[in-house]
Amino acid sequence: MKTQRQVFIGGFVLAVMLMLLLSRCPGAQAQTADRNVAMTVTVDSHKNQAPPAVAKDEVLVHHQKERLQVVDWKPASGPLNFYILLDDGLDSSAGSYLSEITTFIHALPAQTRVAVGYASNGTVSVAQDFTEDKDAAAKALRIPRGSFGVASPFLALNDLVKRFPDVPERREILFISSGFDAMGGNDLNNPYVSTAIDNAQRRNIQVYSVYAAAASHRGRHFFAVSMAQSNLAKVADETGGDSFYMGSDSPVSFRPFLDELLQALSHQYVLQVAVPEGRKASWANLKISSEATGVEFDYASRVWVP
């Protein structure tokens, strides 16, 4: 009996040691699974002309020098959820742009649901919730009150991003603001900007920004304007959108900017890519390029892999 017990114990110990040894062998570990991540990509052109159609096999996606599998690539021709967020701290002269914004609303794609809101004191006041009635959305526009609040306009943007309906279709924001932020400090490490970017990237929401002058004289100093425009551009660039401004003052017209935005919306694709899944949720910095000549892509600087 003693001999049998010794043989049994010895065999058990040997089996455990063998399992530990195998678990440490690279070839014995299970392969890391891939997670499909979807993101909106805008096709741009180097020569300021309408870009050509880009086929799935012309799209290259890399992550840390590794080429990833493009699971799907299709034109974003379905519904669009588009929010127009105006800063209530803009100078009242911004009322001259309302007719151009109205024209823009009516020119949006047929399947667009439009909403209108005003950023004030770190939150969003909804003037018109999402609707397919473009007349109703246009009627919700009003002249900004020109009220100066201490809260960051990027707090309001983040408030909107977090409240945006969780739908599978495209979700995009037009943020018309001075970008003047008395709370965020005097450098490019504005925490409210960073938080808005993080949440927009997590939810695949593109932000387009248009600069207009603030009502407050504090927001019109050259340094303040430069910092504000840089922050507006940062939000747009890192979420896959674009930023528009002309010098340090309000533009004469929004029309060239809005026309360019309409062009961008009509050349968007939905990319689905297989990203290697790690042990926990994390960010992935993707590089998207094309074998097609004369084409470049606008997309978020990183994606969230849950």
Protein backbone atom coordinates (compact mmCIF):
# COMPACT_ATOMS: atom_id res chain seq x y z
CA MET A 1 0.00 0.00 0.00
CA LYS A 2 2.85 2.36 0.92
CA THR A 3 4.51 1.71 -2.44
CA GLN A 4 1.24 2.38 -4.30
CA ARG A 5 0.79 5.70 -2.46
CA GLN A 6 4.34 6.73 -3.31
CA VAL A 7 3.81 5.89 -6.97
CA PHE A 8 0.52 7.83 -7.01
CA ILE A 9 2.03 10.92 -5.32
CA GLY A 10 5.09 10.81 -7.56
CA GLY A 11 2.92 10.60 -10.65
CA PHE A 12 0.75 13.49 -9.49
CA VAL A 13 3.76 15.72 -8.82
CA LEU A 14 5.23 14.86 -12.23
CA ALA A 15 1.94 15.75 -13.95
CA VAL A 16 1.76 19.12 -12.17
CA MET A 17 5.35 19.92 -13.10
CA LEU A 18 4.66 18.99 -16.73
CA MET A 19 1.59 21.27 -16.84
CA LEU A 20 3.58 24.19 -15.41
CA LEU A 21 6.35 23.63 -17.93
CA LEU A 22 3.95 23.53 -20.86
CA SER A 23 2.13 26.66 -19.68
CA ARG A 24 5.39 28.59 -19.90
CA CYS A 25 6.11 27.51 -23.46
CA PRO A 26 5.12 30.23 -25.98
CA GLY A 27 3.71 27.68 -28.40
CA ALA A 28 1.49 26.14 -25.75
CA GLN A 29 -0.43 29.34 -24.97
CA ALA A 30 -3.70 30.07 -26.71
CA GLN A 31 -3.54 32.58 -29.50
CA THR A 32 -4.80 36.08 -28.65
CA ALA A 33 -8.27 36.60 -30.06
CA ASP A 34 -9.13 39.51 -32.32
CA ARG A 35 -11.84 42.04 -31.57
CA ASN A 36 -13.70 43.74 -34.39
CA VAL A 37 -13.74 47.52 -33.92
CA ALA A 38 -15.78 49.91 -36.10
CA MET A 39 -14.83 53.50 -36.83
CA THR A 40 -15.83 56.26 -39.25
CA VAL A 41 -13.22 57.27 -41.81
CA THR A 42 -13.40 60.27 -44.15
CA VAL A 43 -11.67 60.04 -47.51
CA ASP A 44 -9.91 63.26 -48.46
CA SER A 45 -8.03 64.35 -51.54
CA HIS A 46 -4.58 65.86 -51.89
CA LYS A 47 -5.69 68.20 -54.66
CA ASN A 48 -8.86 69.67 -53.12
CA GLN A 49 -11.00 67.72 -55.54
CA ALA A 50 -13.67 65.13 -54.92
CA PRO A 51 -11.78 61.95 -53.96
CA PRO A 52 -12.26 58.76 -55.94
CA ALA A 53 -14.08 55.76 -54.52
CA VAL A 54 -11.79 53.57 -52.44
CA ALA A 55 -12.21 49.79 -52.52
CA LYS A 56 -11.79 47.52 -49.50
CA ASP A 57 -8.65 45.89 -50.91
CA GLU A 58 -7.03 49.33 -51.27
CA VAL A 59 -7.25 50.06 -47.54
CA LEU A 60 -4.26 49.29 -45.32
CA VAL A 61 -4.51 49.34 -41.51
CA HIS A 62 -1.50 48.93 -39.22
CA HIS A 63 -1.13 48.70 -35.46
CA GLN A 64 2.39 48.77 -33.99
CA LYS A 65 3.88 47.84 -37.40
CA GLU A 66 1.53 44.87 -37.70
CA ARG A 67 -0.92 44.87 -40.60
CA LEU A 68 -4.47 44.19 -39.43
CA GLN A 69 -7.31 42.48 -41.23
CA VAL A 70 -9.90 44.82 -42.76
CA VAL A 71 -13.12 42.97 -41.95
CA ASP A 72 -15.42 45.45 -43.69
CA TRP A 73 -15.21 48.75 -45.56
CA LYS A 74 -18.35 50.30 -46.95
CA PRO A 75 -19.67 53.77 -47.81
CA ALA A 76 -21.47 55.41 -44.88
CA SER A 77 -24.70 55.87 -46.79
CA GLY A 78 -27.07 55.06 -43.96
CA PRO A 79 -28.61 57.30 -41.28
CA LEU A 80 -26.58 60.16 -39.84
CA ASN A 81 -27.09 61.62 -36.35
CA PHE A 82 -25.84 65.18 -36.52
CA TYR A 83 -25.78 67.64 -33.62
CA ILE A 84 -25.23 71.38 -34.08
CA LEU A 85 -23.85 72.79 -30.82
CA LEU A 86 -23.50 76.57 -30.59
CA ASP A 87 -21.60 78.35 -27.86
CA ASP A 88 -23.92 80.76 -26.02
CA GLY A 89 -20.85 82.82 -25.16
CA LEU A 90 -20.36 83.93 -28.78
CA ASP A 91 -20.69 87.55 -29.72
CA SER A 92 -24.23 88.38 -30.84
CA SER A 93 -22.84 89.18 -34.31
CA ALA A 94 -22.81 85.39 -34.80
CA GLY A 95 -26.50 85.81 -35.57
CA SER A 96 -25.46 86.77 -39.10
CA TYR A 97 -24.49 83.12 -39.69
CA LEU A 98 -27.92 81.68 -38.88
CA SER A 99 -29.18 81.83 -42.46
CA GLU A 100 -26.08 79.96 -43.65
CA ILE A 101 -26.53 77.33 -40.96
CA THR A 102 -30.17 76.99 -42.03
CA THR A 103 -29.09 76.37 -45.62
CA PHE A 104 -26.57 73.82 -44.36
CA ILE A 105 -29.24 71.95 -42.38
CA HIS A 106 -31.44 71.62 -45.45
CA ALA A 107 -28.47 70.38 -47.50
CA LEU A 108 -27.68 67.51 -45.11
CA PRO A 109 -28.27 63.97 -46.46
CA ALA A 110 -31.85 62.75 -46.60
CA GLN A 111 -31.50 60.23 -43.75
CA THR A 112 -30.06 62.75 -41.32
CA ARG A 113 -31.49 63.27 -37.86
CA VAL A 114 -30.56 66.78 -36.73
CA ALA A 115 -30.45 68.27 -33.25
CA VAL A 116 -29.64 71.79 -32.07
CA GLY A 117 -28.32 72.87 -28.69
CA TYR A 118 -26.51 75.69 -26.91
CA ALA A 119 -23.43 75.35 -24.70
CA SER A 120 -23.62 77.36 -21.51
CA ASN A 121 -22.07 76.98 -18.04
CA GLY A 122 -20.63 73.56 -18.81
CA THR A 123 -23.86 71.95 -19.98
CA VAL A 124 -26.00 71.74 -23.11
CA SER A 125 -29.41 73.34 -23.38
CA VAL A 126 -31.38 71.42 -26.00
CA ALA A 127 -33.22 73.68 -28.43
CA GLN A 128 -34.35 70.83 -30.70
CA ASP A 129 -33.88 67.13 -30.05
CA PHE A 130 -32.99 64.77 -32.89
CA THR A 131 -35.48 65.04 -35.69
CA GLU A 132 -35.75 64.29 -39.40
CA ASP A 133 -37.80 67.50 -39.75
CA LYS A 134 -35.13 69.89 -41.00
CA ASP A 135 -37.50 72.85 -40.85
CA ALA A 136 -38.01 72.21 -37.14
CA ALA A 137 -34.26 72.02 -36.58
CA ALA A 138 -33.66 75.28 -38.47
CA LYS A 139 -36.38 77.07 -36.50
CA ALA A 140 -34.61 76.13 -33.25
CA LEU A 141 -31.64 78.33 -34.18
CA ARG A 142 -31.36 81.63 -32.33
CA ILE A 143 -28.78 84.37 -31.78
CA PRO A 144 -26.27 83.44 -29.04
CA ARG A 145 -26.90 85.34 -25.83
CA GLY A 146 -23.32 86.48 -25.54
CA SER A 147 -23.28 85.41 -21.92
CA PHE A 148 -19.88 84.83 -20.35
CA GLY A 149 -19.67 81.92 -17.97
CA VAL A 150 -16.70 80.62 -16.02
CA ALA A 151 -17.28 77.02 -17.13
CA SER A 152 -15.26 75.62 -20.01
CA PRO A 153 -17.10 75.25 -23.35
CA PHE A 154 -15.38 71.86 -23.62
CA LEU A 155 -17.24 70.76 -20.50
CA ALA A 156 -20.45 71.34 -22.43
CA LEU A 157 -19.06 69.46 -25.42
CA ASN A 158 -18.20 66.54 -23.17
CA ASP A 159 -21.68 66.70 -21.64
CA LEU A 160 -23.15 66.33 -25.12
CA VAL A 161 -20.82 63.47 -26.06
CA LYS A 162 -21.83 61.50 -22.95
CA ARG A 163 -25.54 62.12 -23.59
CA PHE A 164 -25.39 61.29 -27.30
CA PRO A 165 -27.80 58.43 -28.15
CA ASP A 166 -26.07 55.06 -28.25
CA VAL A 167 -26.94 54.09 -31.83
CA PRO A 168 -24.94 52.13 -34.43
CA GLU A 169 -25.18 54.81 -37.13
CA ARG A 170 -22.77 57.71 -37.66
CA ARG A 171 -22.70 60.28 -34.87
CA GLU A 172 -21.15 63.66 -35.56
CA ILE A 173 -21.06 67.11 -33.97
CA LEU A 174 -20.62 70.59 -35.41
CA PHE A 175 -19.26 72.70 -32.56
CA ILE A 176 -19.46 76.46 -33.24
CA SER A 177 -17.49 78.13 -30.48
CA SER A 178 -14.87 80.68 -29.55
CA GLY A 179 -13.06 77.92 -27.67
CA PHE A 180 -12.25 80.48 -24.97
CA ASP A 181 -11.71 78.61 -21.72
CA ALA A 182 -10.98 80.56 -18.55
CA MET A 183 -10.81 77.33 -16.55
CA GLY A 184 -8.51 75.21 -18.68
CA GLY A 185 -5.19 76.96 -18.16
CA ASN A 186 -2.80 78.61 -20.57
CA ASP A 187 -1.29 75.61 -22.33
CA LEU A 188 -2.33 72.79 -24.62
CA ASN A 189 -2.78 70.34 -21.72
CA ASN A 190 -6.34 71.43 -21.08
CA PRO A 191 -8.01 68.67 -19.02
CA TYR A 192 -11.50 69.49 -20.32
CA VAL A 193 -10.30 69.19 -23.91
CA SER A 194 -8.61 65.86 -23.17
CA THR A 195 -11.71 64.46 -21.46
CA ALA A 196 -13.98 65.47 -24.35
CA ILE A 197 -11.57 63.84 -26.82
CA ASP A 198 -11.35 60.62 -24.80
CA ASN A 199 -15.10 60.20 -24.56
CA ALA A 200 -15.69 61.06 -28.23
CA GLN A 201 -13.06 58.53 -29.31
CA ARG A 202 -14.57 55.84 -27.08
CA ARG A 203 -17.95 56.35 -28.74
CA ASN A 204 -16.76 56.91 -32.33
CA ILE A 205 -18.12 60.47 -32.49
CA GLN A 206 -16.51 62.91 -34.93
CA VAL A 207 -16.34 66.58 -33.94
CA TYR A 208 -16.09 69.42 -36.47
CA SER A 209 -15.33 72.85 -35.06
CA VAL A 210 -15.88 76.35 -36.43
CA TYR A 211 -14.31 79.30 -34.65
CA ALA A 212 -16.23 82.54 -34.02
CA ALA A 213 -15.33 85.40 -31.69
CA ALA A 214 -16.36 85.43 -28.04
CA ALA A 215 -18.53 88.14 -26.54
CA SER A 216 -16.04 88.56 -23.71
CA HIS A 217 -13.13 90.89 -24.40
CA ARG A 218 -10.92 88.50 -22.41
CA GLY A 219 -11.48 85.92 -25.13
CA ARG A 220 -10.34 88.26 -27.91
CA HIS A 221 -6.73 88.81 -26.92
CA PHE A 222 -4.30 87.33 -29.43
CA PHE A 223 -2.89 84.72 -27.03
CA ALA A 224 -6.36 83.66 -25.87
CA VAL A 225 -7.60 83.32 -29.46
CA SER A 226 -4.52 81.34 -30.49
CA MET A 227 -4.95 78.93 -27.58
CA ALA A 228 -8.68 78.62 -28.20
CA GLN A 229 -8.24 77.83 -31.90
CA SER A 230 -5.54 75.28 -31.07
CA ASN A 231 -7.87 73.51 -28.64
CA LEU A 232 -10.74 73.49 -31.13
CA ALA A 233 -8.40 72.07 -33.77
CA LYS A 234 -7.11 69.43 -31.35
CA VAL A 235 -10.60 68.16 -30.58
CA ALA A 236 -11.47 67.98 -34.27
CA ASP A 237 -8.22 66.38 -35.44
CA GLU A 238 -8.10 63.70 -32.75
CA THR A 239 -11.73 62.63 -33.21
CA GLY A 240 -11.49 62.36 -37.00
CA GLY A 241 -13.21 65.66 -37.79
CA ASP A 242 -11.88 68.98 -39.06
CA SER A 243 -11.53 72.53 -37.76
CA PHE A 244 -12.32 75.76 -39.57
CA TYR A 245 -11.23 79.31 -38.83
CA MET A 246 -9.95 82.34 -40.69
CA GLY A 247 -7.43 84.48 -38.83
CA SER A 248 -8.02 85.64 -35.27
CA ASP A 249 -11.44 87.16 -35.83
CA SER A 250 -14.84 85.84 -36.84
CA PRO A 251 -14.99 84.85 -40.51
CA VAL A 252 -17.02 86.95 -42.90
CA SER A 253 -19.00 83.87 -43.85
CA PHE A 254 -19.42 80.26 -42.68
CA ARG A 255 -20.47 79.10 -46.12
CA PRO A 256 -17.05 77.89 -47.39
CA PHE A 257 -16.58 75.91 -44.17
CA LEU A 258 -20.04 74.38 -44.25
CA ASP A 259 -19.71 73.46 -47.92
CA GLU A 260 -16.45 71.68 -47.15
CA LEU A 261 -18.13 69.86 -44.28
CA LEU A 262 -20.93 68.68 -46.55
CA GLN A 263 -18.29 67.38 -48.94
CA ALA A 264 -16.64 65.46 -46.12
CA LEU A 265 -19.92 63.90 -44.98
CA SER A 266 -20.54 62.61 -48.50
CA HIS A 267 -17.18 60.78 -48.62
CA GLN A 268 -17.24 58.82 -45.40
CA TYR A 269 -16.81 55.09 -44.93
CA VAL A 270 -17.42 52.71 -42.06
CA LEU A 271 -14.30 50.67 -41.35
CA GLN A 272 -14.42 47.46 -39.37
CA VAL A 273 -11.00 46.12 -38.44
CA ALA A 274 -9.81 43.13 -36.40
CA VAL A 275 -7.66 44.46 -33.55
CA PRO A 276 -5.68 42.00 -31.41
CA GLU A 277 -7.44 41.76 -28.06
CA GLY A 278 -5.26 42.11 -25.00
CA ARG A 279 -5.88 40.95 -21.46
CA LYS A 280 -7.93 44.06 -20.70
CA ALA A 281 -9.63 46.96 -22.47
CA SER A 282 -7.19 49.45 -23.94
CA TRP A 283 -6.53 52.09 -26.57
CA ALA A 284 -5.18 51.17 -30.00
CA ASN A 285 -3.39 53.66 -32.23
CA LEU A 286 -4.14 52.74 -35.82
CA LYS A 287 -2.49 53.96 -38.99
CA ILE A 288 -4.80 53.91 -42.01
CA SER A 289 -3.46 54.38 -45.52
CA SER A 290 -4.36 53.46 -49.06
CA GLU A 291 -2.71 52.02 -52.11
CA ALA A 292 -4.80 54.41 -54.21
CA THR A 293 -2.89 57.49 -55.36
CA GLY A 294 -3.94 61.00 -54.36
CA VAL A 295 -6.03 59.87 -51.40
CA GLU A 296 -5.65 60.41 -47.68
CA PHE A 297 -7.85 59.60 -44.70
CA ASP A 298 -9.18 61.58 -41.74
CA TYR A 299 -9.86 59.41 -38.71
CA ALA A 300 -9.61 59.38 -34.93
CA SER A 301 -6.06 59.25 -33.58
CA ARG A 302 -6.94 56.12 -31.60
CA VAL A 303 -9.79 53.68 -30.96
CA TRP A 304 -11.03 52.05 -27.81
CA VAL A 305 -10.85 48.24 -27.77
CA PRO A 306 -13.25 47.06 -25.03
